[in-house]
Amino acid sequence: MKLLLDSTRCQGYGLCQEPAPELIDLDEWGYARLRETTVPDDAAEAAAAAVAACPNSALKLVK
């Protein structure tokens, strides 16, 4: 499974980082940056929660 970020949609709310800090960092302005694009099996639930937390649909999970 891969986690994708459309940085043009990210508005810097930072809500995605809380459920998945092992996958997502925030830059100095609060915009998301992916630490990893490949999601380990044990982080799939956290990745899904991060996708759901984004109010701008900037994150997407693909198989």
C-alpha atoms as a PDB file:
ATOM      1  CA  MET A   1       0.000   0.000   0.000  1.00  0.00           C
ATOM      2  CA  LYS A   2       1.240   3.493  -0.835  1.00  0.00           C
ATOM      3  CA  LEU A   3       0.434   6.837   0.760  1.00  0.00           C
ATOM      4  CA  LEU A   4       0.315   9.696  -1.736  1.00  0.00           C
ATOM      5  CA  LEU A   5       0.330  13.429  -1.029  1.00  0.00           C
ATOM      6  CA  ASP A   6      -0.998  16.073  -3.396  1.00  0.00           C
ATOM      7  CA  SER A   7       0.941  19.017  -1.992  1.00  0.00           C
ATOM      8  CA  THR A   8      -1.110  21.477  -4.055  1.00  0.00           C
ATOM      9  CA  ARG A   9      -4.191  20.528  -1.997  1.00  0.00           C
ATOM     10  CA  CYS A  10      -2.465  20.685   1.412  1.00  0.00           C
ATOM     11  CA  GLN A  11      -3.427  23.798   3.364  1.00  0.00           C
ATOM     12  CA  GLY A  12      -1.164  23.209   6.360  1.00  0.00           C
ATOM     13  CA  TYR A  13      -3.770  22.277   8.957  1.00  0.00           C
ATOM     14  CA  GLY A  14      -1.512  19.485  10.248  1.00  0.00           C
ATOM     15  CA  LEU A  15      -4.401  17.203  11.194  1.00  0.00           C
ATOM     16  CA  CYS A  16      -2.928  14.288   9.242  1.00  0.00           C
ATOM     17  CA  GLN A  17       0.257  14.083  11.278  1.00  0.00           C
ATOM     18  CA  GLU A  18      -1.363  13.281  14.623  1.00  0.00           C
ATOM     19  CA  PRO A  19      -2.671   9.804  13.697  1.00  0.00           C
ATOM     20  CA  ALA A  20       0.410   8.869  11.650  1.00  0.00           C
ATOM     21  CA  PRO A  21       3.585  10.581  12.922  1.00  0.00           C
ATOM     22  CA  GLU A  22       5.671   7.648  11.693  1.00  0.00           C
ATOM     23  CA  LEU A  23       4.547   8.380   8.116  1.00  0.00           C
ATOM     24  CA  ILE A  24       4.024  12.152   8.005  1.00  0.00           C
ATOM     25  CA  ASP A  25       6.145  15.117   9.090  1.00  0.00           C
ATOM     26  CA  LEU A  26       5.127  18.753   9.025  1.00  0.00           C
ATOM     27  CA  ASP A  27       7.393  21.456   7.662  1.00  0.00           C
ATOM     28  CA  GLU A  28       7.991  24.735   9.483  1.00  0.00           C
ATOM     29  CA  TRP A  29       4.722  26.143   8.097  1.00  0.00           C
ATOM     30  CA  GLY A  30       2.635  23.098   9.004  1.00  0.00           C
ATOM     31  CA  TYR A  31       2.450  21.562   5.528  1.00  0.00           C
ATOM     32  CA  ALA A  32       2.633  17.790   5.266  1.00  0.00           C
ATOM     33  CA  ARG A  33       5.701  15.935   4.057  1.00  0.00           C
ATOM     34  CA  LEU A  34       5.733  12.181   3.728  1.00  0.00           C
ATOM     35  CA  ARG A  35       8.438  10.312   5.623  1.00  0.00           C
ATOM     36  CA  GLU A  36       7.529   7.128   3.754  1.00  0.00           C
ATOM     37  CA  THR A  37       5.345   6.453   0.743  1.00  0.00           C
ATOM     38  CA  THR A  38       5.230   2.709   1.308  1.00  0.00           C
ATOM     39  CA  VAL A  39       2.952   1.966   4.242  1.00  0.00           C
ATOM     40  CA  PRO A  40       3.990  -0.991   6.415  1.00  0.00           C
ATOM     41  CA  ASP A  41       1.184  -3.415   7.256  1.00  0.00           C
ATOM     42  CA  ASP A  42       1.249  -2.389  10.919  1.00  0.00           C
ATOM     43  CA  ALA A  43       0.738   1.286   9.965  1.00  0.00           C
ATOM     44  CA  ALA A  44      -2.190   0.788   7.569  1.00  0.00           C
ATOM     45  CA  GLU A  45      -4.790   1.832  10.138  1.00  0.00           C
ATOM     46  CA  ALA A  46      -2.829   4.986  11.026  1.00  0.00           C
ATOM     47  CA  ALA A  47      -2.434   5.855   7.342  1.00  0.00           C
ATOM     48  CA  ALA A  48      -6.178   5.471   6.775  1.00  0.00           C
ATOM     49  CA  ALA A  49      -6.857   7.716   9.780  1.00  0.00           C
ATOM     50  CA  ALA A  50      -4.490  10.350   8.393  1.00  0.00           C
ATOM     51  CA  VAL A  51      -6.270  10.272   5.025  1.00  0.00           C
ATOM     52  CA  ALA A  52      -9.636  10.645   6.770  1.00  0.00           C
ATOM     53  CA  ALA A  53      -8.347  13.539   8.919  1.00  0.00           C
ATOM     54  CA  CYS A  54      -7.326  15.701   5.960  1.00  0.00           C
ATOM     55  CA  PRO A  55     -10.073  18.265   5.285  1.00  0.00           C
ATOM     56  CA  ASN A  56      -8.718  18.977   1.785  1.00  0.00           C
ATOM     57  CA  SER A  57      -8.290  15.383   0.571  1.00  0.00           C
ATOM     58  CA  ALA A  58      -4.565  15.943   0.006  1.00  0.00           C
ATOM     59  CA  LEU A  59      -3.737  12.376   1.042  1.00  0.00           C
ATOM     60  CA  LYS A  60      -4.695   9.165  -0.704  1.00  0.00           C
ATOM     61  CA  LEU A  61      -4.009   5.471  -0.094  1.00  0.00           C
ATOM     62  CA  VAL A  62      -3.485   3.225  -3.112  1.00  0.00           C
ATOM     63  CA  LYS A  63      -2.821  -0.489  -3.345  1.00  0.00           C
END
